[in-house]
Amino acid sequence: MRFEVLGPLAVWTDAGAPVVVPGAKVRALLADLLVHRGSW
């Protein structure tokens, strides 16, 4: 999977297909986990 967190959160599968991440709280949680990955 590929993620972009600079600007709006965007997610793609390994095949390059976009993934819809529903809900603002879910997008915020995913973005926070990505930004802080490996820090715990």
C-alpha atoms as a PDB file:
ATOM      1  CA  MET A   1       0.000   0.000   0.000  1.00  0.00           C
ATOM      2  CA  ARG A   2       1.053   3.566  -0.580  1.00  0.00           C
ATOM      3  CA  PHE A   3       0.071   6.463   1.669  1.00  0.00           C
ATOM      4  CA  GLU A   4       0.339  10.236   1.337  1.00  0.00           C
ATOM      5  CA  VAL A   5      -0.086  12.391   4.419  1.00  0.00           C
ATOM      6  CA  LEU A   6       1.176  15.744   3.155  1.00  0.00           C
ATOM      7  CA  GLY A   7      -2.066  17.450   2.215  1.00  0.00           C
ATOM      8  CA  PRO A   8      -5.207  15.308   2.197  1.00  0.00           C
ATOM      9  CA  LEU A   9      -4.767  11.680   3.253  1.00  0.00           C
ATOM     10  CA  ALA A  10      -4.591   9.420   0.212  1.00  0.00           C
ATOM     11  CA  VAL A  11      -4.245   5.616   0.104  1.00  0.00           C
ATOM     12  CA  TRP A  12      -3.558   3.245  -2.794  1.00  0.00           C
ATOM     13  CA  THR A  13      -3.299  -0.542  -3.031  1.00  0.00           C
ATOM     14  CA  ASP A  14      -0.120  -2.217  -4.273  1.00  0.00           C
ATOM     15  CA  ALA A  15      -1.815  -2.447  -7.682  1.00  0.00           C
ATOM     16  CA  GLY A  16      -2.287   1.338  -7.742  1.00  0.00           C
ATOM     17  CA  ALA A  17      -6.043   1.413  -7.146  1.00  0.00           C
ATOM     18  CA  PRO A  18      -7.264   4.203  -4.846  1.00  0.00           C
ATOM     19  CA  VAL A  19      -8.699   3.162  -1.474  1.00  0.00           C
ATOM     20  CA  VAL A  20     -11.571   5.135   0.039  1.00  0.00           C
ATOM     21  CA  VAL A  21     -11.058   5.745   3.760  1.00  0.00           C
ATOM     22  CA  PRO A  22     -14.517   6.631   5.118  1.00  0.00           C
ATOM     23  CA  GLY A  23     -15.134   9.079   7.918  1.00  0.00           C
ATOM     24  CA  ALA A  24     -13.069  11.990   9.168  1.00  0.00           C
ATOM     25  CA  LYS A  25     -12.213  10.258  12.455  1.00  0.00           C
ATOM     26  CA  VAL A  26     -10.936   7.143  10.659  1.00  0.00           C
ATOM     27  CA  ARG A  27      -8.825   9.272   8.273  1.00  0.00           C
ATOM     28  CA  ALA A  28      -7.426  11.259  11.213  1.00  0.00           C
ATOM     29  CA  LEU A  29      -6.554   8.075  13.121  1.00  0.00           C
ATOM     30  CA  LEU A  30      -4.868   6.505  10.085  1.00  0.00           C
ATOM     31  CA  ALA A  31      -2.892   9.694   9.414  1.00  0.00           C
ATOM     32  CA  ASP A  32      -1.770   9.863  13.060  1.00  0.00           C
ATOM     33  CA  LEU A  33      -0.678   6.213  13.045  1.00  0.00           C
ATOM     34  CA  LEU A  34       1.272   6.727   9.803  1.00  0.00           C
ATOM     35  CA  VAL A  35       3.020   9.860  11.040  1.00  0.00           C
ATOM     36  CA  HIS A  36       4.019   8.187  14.315  1.00  0.00           C
ATOM     37  CA  ARG A  37       4.747   4.669  13.022  1.00  0.00           C
ATOM     38  CA  GLY A  38       7.636   2.962  14.706  1.00  0.00           C
ATOM     39  CA  SER A  39       7.806   5.526  17.510  1.00  0.00           C
ATOM     40  CA  TRP A  40       6.274   3.301  20.223  1.00  0.00           C
END
